[in-house]
Amino acid sequence: MIIQGTNLKPTDISKDRLFHAIYGFSDAKIFVIGDCMLDHYIWGDSDRISPEAPVPVVSVEKEEFHLGGAANVAQNISALSGKVDLSGIVGKDGPAAEFKELLRNLEISWHGIVDSERPTTQKMRVIARGQQLIRVDREDTTRVSAEHIDMLCTLIHENLRDSSCIVISDYAKGVVCKGLMDFLVSESKKYHIPIIVDPKPQNVMIYNGVDVITPNKKEALSMAQIFEEKISLDVLMKKLRDEVQVGAVLVTLGEKGMAVFESGDVPYHIPTMAREVFDVTGAGDTVIATLALGMSMGLNLLEASFLANIAGGIVVGKVGTATLSQEELLQGVEKAFE
């Protein structure tokens, strides 16, 4: 991809405004809605092959459960001291109980519903000697019934009014649909609450009317139906914003940072702040969480994006799905202005 645009530098941003926003994160209240998941990790050792099939035998040493999907966005907001409400759908099963216990431990308010006909989405990973051997998914990705979407909308309506920002985390597991999006856009305009969406290309036509979408490069190309790598970034982002009919587009570019297109003809490019990259798992969740918190505290889109880029640069330097603290983000801002 040809990256054209204005490079956004630290000298273009007020460090004091970023600090003021971070210190105020505890005043923000973000409502996260989307596909909630439970990540199940099994660690063990393997020194032999099964006599039953040519696969390793793993002796389990420990197991851990972590929040995934939309719930990981909520966890990132909580780690940065923001207040957070979470809405989605879980099953009537053991993973749902584990999921809700994790939410309680983090003081994340749950306004979701139980669908006894669907399993709680769970990703189980088996890891031995530092290598992931297999991932097993338990999920139902069919569309959620209109009845359950109506129930979800009622719960959201009852708890949305004092929110400072809405984040939609779409993993295409059935929760985020046209009915839900139409309702949320209407509610957001009624209460003047911005909506940020982490999108999926297959749902591109249901995001119209939201304030910001945050696809990665691959998703952005797919959403714009562009299949040539040599496309210029400004053409891609303008096409995406105009066709999806959103206020702004933020595209994450991996090791090249991110780009923001809000108005005019030229996007802003924000180079990566990462010193080292160990693991990009969950970095997008950190970016959208920080973006929502920054906008909630009065930062404009470029300022909030600059801050989110710093946050993303910190978490990719950690191994595994990671979060960062307020203090780590403050230190990251200080380093960015050195």
Foldseek 3Di string as FASTA:
>chain_A
DAEDFAADAPVNDDLVLVLVLLVCQLVAEEEEEEQKEKEKEWEFAWDDADPVDRATDGDTDDMDIDIDFSVLLVVQSLQSNHAYEYEYEAEPDDVVVVVVVVCVVSVHHYLYYYDNVWHHWYWYWYDHPRDTRDIDIGGALAADDPVRLVSRLVSCVVPPQPHQAYEYGYPSSHNDDLVNLVSVLVVCVVNVHAYEYADALVRLQRNANHAEYEYEPVRLCSNLVHDDPPDYPLVSQVSSCVVSHYQKYWYQYPQQFIWIDGDDRGIYGYGALAPDADAQPQLVSQLVSQLSSSVSSPDPNVNSNNLSRLQSNVPRVDPDNDHHYSVSSSVSSVVSVD
